[in-house]
C-alpha cells in the first residue's frame, strides 16, 4: 500500500473468496482454468468488486458464459485478459 500497489488474487473456491473478502481485496482475477466454474464466478461476482477474467484456455462460448454469470449477479465491472497458456508460446501466438 505504501508504494501504491493494488494487490488482489485468484480464488479457486468459495472459501478463498471469503478469505479474500476478509482481507478486503479491491478486485478479483478468475484464472483461465476456472472460467467454466460458473458457481465460483457467480459467487465472486456477487461481492460487487471488479473482476478480471483470464481467457487463456477458454473457448469463445466459455467466455460468454462467464460474462453472463457476472452480469447475472449485477456485476458489470469486468475486464478480459487475452492470455496464451502454452509455455513457451509458439512464435505464431
N, C-alpha and C. Protein backbone atom coordinates (compact mmCIF):
# COMPACT_ATOMS: atom_id res chain seq x y z
N UNK A 1 0.82 -1.19 0.00
CA UNK A 1 0.00 0.00 0.00
C UNK A 1 0.86 1.26 0.00
N UNK A 2 1.97 1.20 0.73
CA UNK A 2 2.86 2.36 0.80
C UNK A 2 3.39 2.75 -0.57
N UNK A 3 3.57 1.77 -1.45
CA UNK A 3 4.11 2.01 -2.79
C UNK A 3 3.02 2.27 -3.82
N UNK A 4 1.77 2.24 -3.39
CA UNK A 4 0.67 2.48 -4.31
C UNK A 4 0.28 1.28 -5.15
N UNK A 5 0.71 0.10 -4.75
CA UNK A 5 0.37 -1.12 -5.48
C UNK A 5 -1.00 -1.63 -5.04
N UNK A 6 -1.74 -2.16 -5.99
CA UNK A 6 -3.04 -2.76 -5.69
C UNK A 6 -2.85 -4.28 -5.72
N UNK A 7 -3.10 -4.93 -4.61
CA UNK A 7 -2.94 -6.38 -4.52
C UNK A 7 -4.30 -7.06 -4.56
N UNK A 8 -4.38 -8.12 -5.36
CA UNK A 8 -5.59 -8.93 -5.43
C UNK A 8 -5.16 -10.34 -5.77
N UNK A 9 -6.11 -11.25 -5.86
CA UNK A 9 -5.76 -12.65 -6.03
C UNK A 9 -6.81 -13.39 -6.85
N UNK A 10 -6.45 -14.61 -7.26
CA UNK A 10 -7.36 -15.51 -7.97
C UNK A 10 -7.88 -16.56 -7.00
N UNK A 11 -9.14 -16.48 -6.61
CA UNK A 11 -9.68 -17.53 -5.74
C UNK A 11 -10.00 -18.78 -6.55
N UNK A 12 -9.79 -19.94 -5.95
CA UNK A 12 -10.08 -21.20 -6.63
C UNK A 12 -11.27 -21.93 -6.04
N UNK A 13 -11.87 -21.34 -4.98
CA UNK A 13 -13.10 -21.89 -4.42
C UNK A 13 -13.77 -20.80 -3.57
N UNK A 14 -14.98 -21.10 -3.10
CA UNK A 14 -15.73 -20.09 -2.34
C UNK A 14 -15.05 -19.73 -1.02
N UNK A 15 -14.38 -20.70 -0.41
CA UNK A 15 -13.65 -20.43 0.83
C UNK A 15 -12.58 -19.37 0.59
N UNK A 16 -11.90 -19.46 -0.54
CA UNK A 16 -10.87 -18.47 -0.87
C UNK A 16 -11.49 -17.09 -1.10
N UNK A 17 -12.66 -17.05 -1.72
CA UNK A 17 -13.35 -15.76 -1.90
C UNK A 17 -13.65 -15.15 -0.54
N UNK A 18 -14.16 -15.95 0.38
CA UNK A 18 -14.46 -15.46 1.72
C UNK A 18 -13.20 -14.96 2.43
N UNK A 19 -12.11 -15.71 2.29
CA UNK A 19 -10.83 -15.30 2.89
C UNK A 19 -10.38 -13.96 2.32
N UNK A 20 -10.47 -13.82 1.00
CA UNK A 20 -10.06 -12.57 0.36
C UNK A 20 -10.99 -11.42 0.74
N UNK A 21 -12.26 -11.71 0.93
CA UNK A 21 -13.20 -10.67 1.39
C UNK A 21 -12.79 -10.17 2.77
N UNK A 22 -12.36 -11.09 3.64
CA UNK A 22 -11.89 -10.68 4.97
C UNK A 22 -10.66 -9.78 4.88
N UNK A 23 -9.87 -9.95 3.82
CA UNK A 23 -8.70 -9.10 3.60
C UNK A 23 -9.06 -7.80 2.88
N UNK A 24 -10.33 -7.69 2.47
CA UNK A 24 -10.83 -6.51 1.77
C UNK A 24 -10.07 -6.21 0.47
N UNK A 25 -9.86 -7.27 -0.33
CA UNK A 25 -9.21 -7.04 -1.63
C UNK A 25 -10.10 -6.15 -2.49
N UNK A 26 -9.51 -5.32 -3.35
CA UNK A 26 -10.31 -4.40 -4.16
C UNK A 26 -10.85 -5.01 -5.45
N UNK A 27 -10.34 -6.21 -5.83
CA UNK A 27 -10.74 -6.83 -7.10
C UNK A 27 -10.39 -8.31 -7.04
N UNK A 28 -10.89 -9.04 -8.03
CA UNK A 28 -10.61 -10.47 -8.15
C UNK A 28 -10.16 -10.78 -9.56
N UNK A 29 -9.35 -11.85 -9.69
CA UNK A 29 -8.99 -12.36 -11.01
C UNK A 29 -9.45 -13.81 -11.08
N UNK A 30 -10.17 -14.13 -12.13
CA UNK A 30 -10.57 -15.51 -12.37
C UNK A 30 -9.53 -16.13 -13.30
N UNK A 31 -8.87 -17.17 -12.83
CA UNK A 31 -7.86 -17.85 -13.64
C UNK A 31 -8.53 -18.55 -14.82
N UNK A 32 -7.81 -18.67 -15.91
CA UNK A 32 -8.41 -19.28 -17.11
C UNK A 32 -8.88 -20.70 -16.83
N UNK A 33 -8.20 -21.40 -15.94
CA UNK A 33 -8.61 -22.76 -15.60
C UNK A 33 -9.97 -22.79 -14.92
N UNK A 34 -10.37 -21.69 -14.29
CA UNK A 34 -11.63 -21.62 -13.56
C UNK A 34 -12.76 -20.99 -14.37
N UNK A 35 -12.52 -20.66 -15.63
CA UNK A 35 -13.51 -19.92 -16.42
C UNK A 35 -14.81 -20.70 -16.62
N UNK A 36 -14.77 -22.01 -16.47
CA UNK A 36 -16.00 -22.80 -16.61
C UNK A 36 -16.66 -23.10 -15.26
N UNK A 37 -16.08 -22.61 -14.18
CA UNK A 37 -16.66 -22.81 -12.84
C UNK A 37 -17.67 -21.68 -12.58
N UNK A 38 -18.83 -21.82 -13.19
CA UNK A 38 -19.85 -20.76 -13.13
C UNK A 38 -20.29 -20.46 -11.69
N UNK A 39 -20.51 -21.47 -10.83
CA UNK A 39 -20.86 -21.12 -9.44
C UNK A 39 -19.79 -20.27 -8.75
N UNK A 40 -18.52 -20.55 -8.99
CA UNK A 40 -17.45 -19.74 -8.41
C UNK A 40 -17.48 -18.33 -8.98
N UNK A 41 -17.67 -18.20 -10.27
CA UNK A 41 -17.73 -16.88 -10.90
C UNK A 41 -18.91 -16.09 -10.36
N UNK A 42 -20.06 -16.73 -10.24
CA UNK A 42 -21.23 -16.04 -9.69
C UNK A 42 -20.99 -15.58 -8.25
N UNK A 43 -20.41 -16.46 -7.44
CA UNK A 43 -20.15 -16.12 -6.05
C UNK A 43 -19.17 -14.95 -5.96
N UNK A 44 -18.13 -15.00 -6.76
CA UNK A 44 -17.14 -13.92 -6.78
C UNK A 44 -17.78 -12.63 -7.26
N UNK A 45 -18.54 -12.70 -8.33
CA UNK A 45 -19.20 -11.51 -8.89
C UNK A 45 -20.18 -10.90 -7.91
N UNK A 46 -20.79 -11.73 -7.07
CA UNK A 46 -21.78 -11.24 -6.12
C UNK A 46 -21.18 -10.30 -5.07
N UNK A 47 -19.88 -10.28 -4.96
CA UNK A 47 -19.22 -9.41 -4.00
C UNK A 47 -19.19 -7.96 -4.48
N UNK A 48 -19.49 -7.75 -5.77
CA UNK A 48 -19.62 -6.39 -6.29
C UNK A 48 -18.30 -5.69 -6.58
N UNK A 49 -17.23 -6.44 -6.64
CA UNK A 49 -15.92 -5.84 -6.92
C UNK A 49 -15.52 -6.14 -8.36
N UNK A 50 -14.61 -5.34 -8.91
CA UNK A 50 -14.15 -5.60 -10.28
C UNK A 50 -13.60 -7.02 -10.42
N UNK A 51 -13.84 -7.59 -11.60
CA UNK A 51 -13.37 -8.94 -11.89
C UNK A 51 -12.57 -8.92 -13.18
N UNK A 52 -11.38 -9.51 -13.11
CA UNK A 52 -10.52 -9.68 -14.28
C UNK A 52 -10.58 -11.17 -14.62
N UNK A 53 -10.97 -11.48 -15.84
CA UNK A 53 -11.12 -12.87 -16.26
C UNK A 53 -10.05 -13.20 -17.29
N UNK A 54 -9.24 -14.20 -16.97
CA UNK A 54 -8.21 -14.68 -17.89
C UNK A 54 -8.84 -15.68 -18.85
N UNK A 55 -8.51 -15.55 -20.13
CA UNK A 55 -9.15 -16.38 -21.15
C UNK A 55 -8.20 -17.39 -21.80
N UNK A 56 -7.06 -17.64 -21.18
CA UNK A 56 -6.01 -18.45 -21.78
C UNK A 56 -6.43 -19.76 -22.40
N UNK A 57 -7.22 -20.57 -21.71
CA UNK A 57 -7.59 -21.89 -22.25
C UNK A 57 -9.06 -21.95 -22.64
N UNK A 58 -9.70 -20.81 -22.73
CA UNK A 58 -11.15 -20.77 -22.93
C UNK A 58 -11.55 -20.73 -24.40
N UNK A 59 -12.68 -21.35 -24.66
CA UNK A 59 -13.34 -21.19 -25.95
C UNK A 59 -14.21 -19.93 -25.86
N UNK A 60 -14.62 -19.40 -27.00
CA UNK A 60 -15.46 -18.20 -27.00
C UNK A 60 -16.74 -18.40 -26.19
N UNK A 61 -17.34 -19.58 -26.30
CA UNK A 61 -18.57 -19.87 -25.55
C UNK A 61 -18.32 -19.83 -24.04
N UNK A 62 -17.14 -20.29 -23.60
CA UNK A 62 -16.80 -20.24 -22.18
C UNK A 62 -16.73 -18.80 -21.68
N UNK A 63 -16.14 -17.94 -22.50
CA UNK A 63 -16.02 -16.53 -22.14
C UNK A 63 -17.40 -15.90 -22.02
N UNK A 64 -18.27 -16.20 -22.98
CA UNK A 64 -19.63 -15.65 -22.95
C UNK A 64 -20.38 -16.10 -21.69
N UNK A 65 -20.25 -17.38 -21.34
CA UNK A 65 -20.93 -17.89 -20.14
C UNK A 65 -20.40 -17.21 -18.88
N UNK A 66 -19.10 -16.98 -18.82
CA UNK A 66 -18.50 -16.31 -17.66
C UNK A 66 -18.99 -14.87 -17.56
N UNK A 67 -19.05 -14.18 -18.69
CA UNK A 67 -19.55 -12.80 -18.70
C UNK A 67 -21.02 -12.76 -18.27
N UNK A 68 -21.81 -13.68 -18.78
CA UNK A 68 -23.23 -13.75 -18.40
C UNK A 68 -23.38 -14.01 -16.90
N UNK A 69 -22.53 -14.86 -16.34
CA UNK A 69 -22.59 -15.16 -14.91
C UNK A 69 -22.33 -13.91 -14.08
N UNK A 70 -21.34 -13.14 -14.47
CA UNK A 70 -21.04 -11.88 -13.76
C UNK A 70 -22.22 -10.93 -13.85
N UNK A 71 -22.72 -10.76 -15.04
CA UNK A 71 -23.82 -9.80 -15.26
C UNK A 71 -25.09 -10.24 -14.53
N UNK A 72 -25.32 -11.55 -14.48
CA UNK A 72 -26.49 -12.08 -13.78
C UNK A 72 -26.45 -11.70 -12.29
N UNK A 73 -25.26 -11.57 -11.76
CA UNK A 73 -25.09 -11.20 -10.36
C UNK A 73 -25.02 -9.68 -10.18
N UNK A 74 -25.29 -8.94 -11.27
CA UNK A 74 -25.30 -7.48 -11.20
C UNK A 74 -23.93 -6.85 -11.26
N UNK A 75 -22.93 -7.62 -11.68
CA UNK A 75 -21.57 -7.10 -11.75
C UNK A 75 -21.17 -6.91 -13.21
N UNK A 76 -21.03 -5.66 -13.61
CA UNK A 76 -20.61 -5.33 -14.97
C UNK A 76 -19.21 -4.75 -15.02
N UNK A 77 -18.52 -4.76 -13.90
CA UNK A 77 -17.16 -4.21 -13.81
C UNK A 77 -16.18 -5.34 -14.11
N UNK A 78 -16.05 -5.66 -15.41
CA UNK A 78 -15.34 -6.85 -15.86
C UNK A 78 -14.27 -6.46 -16.87
N UNK A 79 -13.10 -7.06 -16.73
CA UNK A 79 -12.04 -6.91 -17.74
C UNK A 79 -11.63 -8.31 -18.19
N UNK A 80 -11.35 -8.45 -19.47
CA UNK A 80 -10.88 -9.72 -20.02
C UNK A 80 -9.40 -9.64 -20.34
N UNK A 81 -8.68 -10.70 -20.03
CA UNK A 81 -7.28 -10.81 -20.41
C UNK A 81 -7.16 -11.84 -21.52
N UNK A 82 -6.52 -11.48 -22.60
CA UNK A 82 -6.22 -12.43 -23.66
C UNK A 82 -4.86 -13.02 -23.34
N UNK A 83 -4.85 -14.25 -22.90
CA UNK A 83 -3.62 -14.88 -22.44
C UNK A 83 -3.26 -16.07 -23.31
N UNK A 84 -1.98 -16.33 -23.41
CA UNK A 84 -1.50 -17.52 -24.08
C UNK A 84 -1.11 -18.51 -22.99
N UNK A 85 -1.70 -19.68 -23.01
CA UNK A 85 -1.46 -20.65 -21.94
C UNK A 85 -0.52 -21.77 -22.35
N UNK A 86 0.28 -21.53 -23.36
CA UNK A 86 1.29 -22.52 -23.73
C UNK A 86 2.65 -21.88 -23.51
N UNK A 87 3.53 -22.61 -22.84
CA UNK A 87 4.84 -22.07 -22.50
C UNK A 87 5.92 -23.04 -22.95
N UNK A 88 6.90 -22.61 -23.68
CA UNK A 88 6.95 -21.26 -24.28
C UNK A 88 5.94 -21.16 -25.40
N UNK A 89 5.44 -19.97 -25.60
CA UNK A 89 4.44 -19.75 -26.64
C UNK A 89 5.08 -19.88 -28.02
N UNK A 90 4.38 -20.56 -28.93
CA UNK A 90 4.89 -20.61 -30.31
C UNK A 90 4.96 -19.20 -30.90
N UNK A 91 5.88 -18.97 -31.78
CA UNK A 91 6.08 -17.65 -32.40
C UNK A 91 4.79 -17.12 -33.00
N UNK A 92 3.97 -17.98 -33.62
CA UNK A 92 2.74 -17.52 -34.27
C UNK A 92 1.68 -17.05 -33.28
N UNK A 93 1.83 -17.36 -32.00
CA UNK A 93 0.88 -16.88 -30.99
C UNK A 93 1.35 -15.58 -30.41
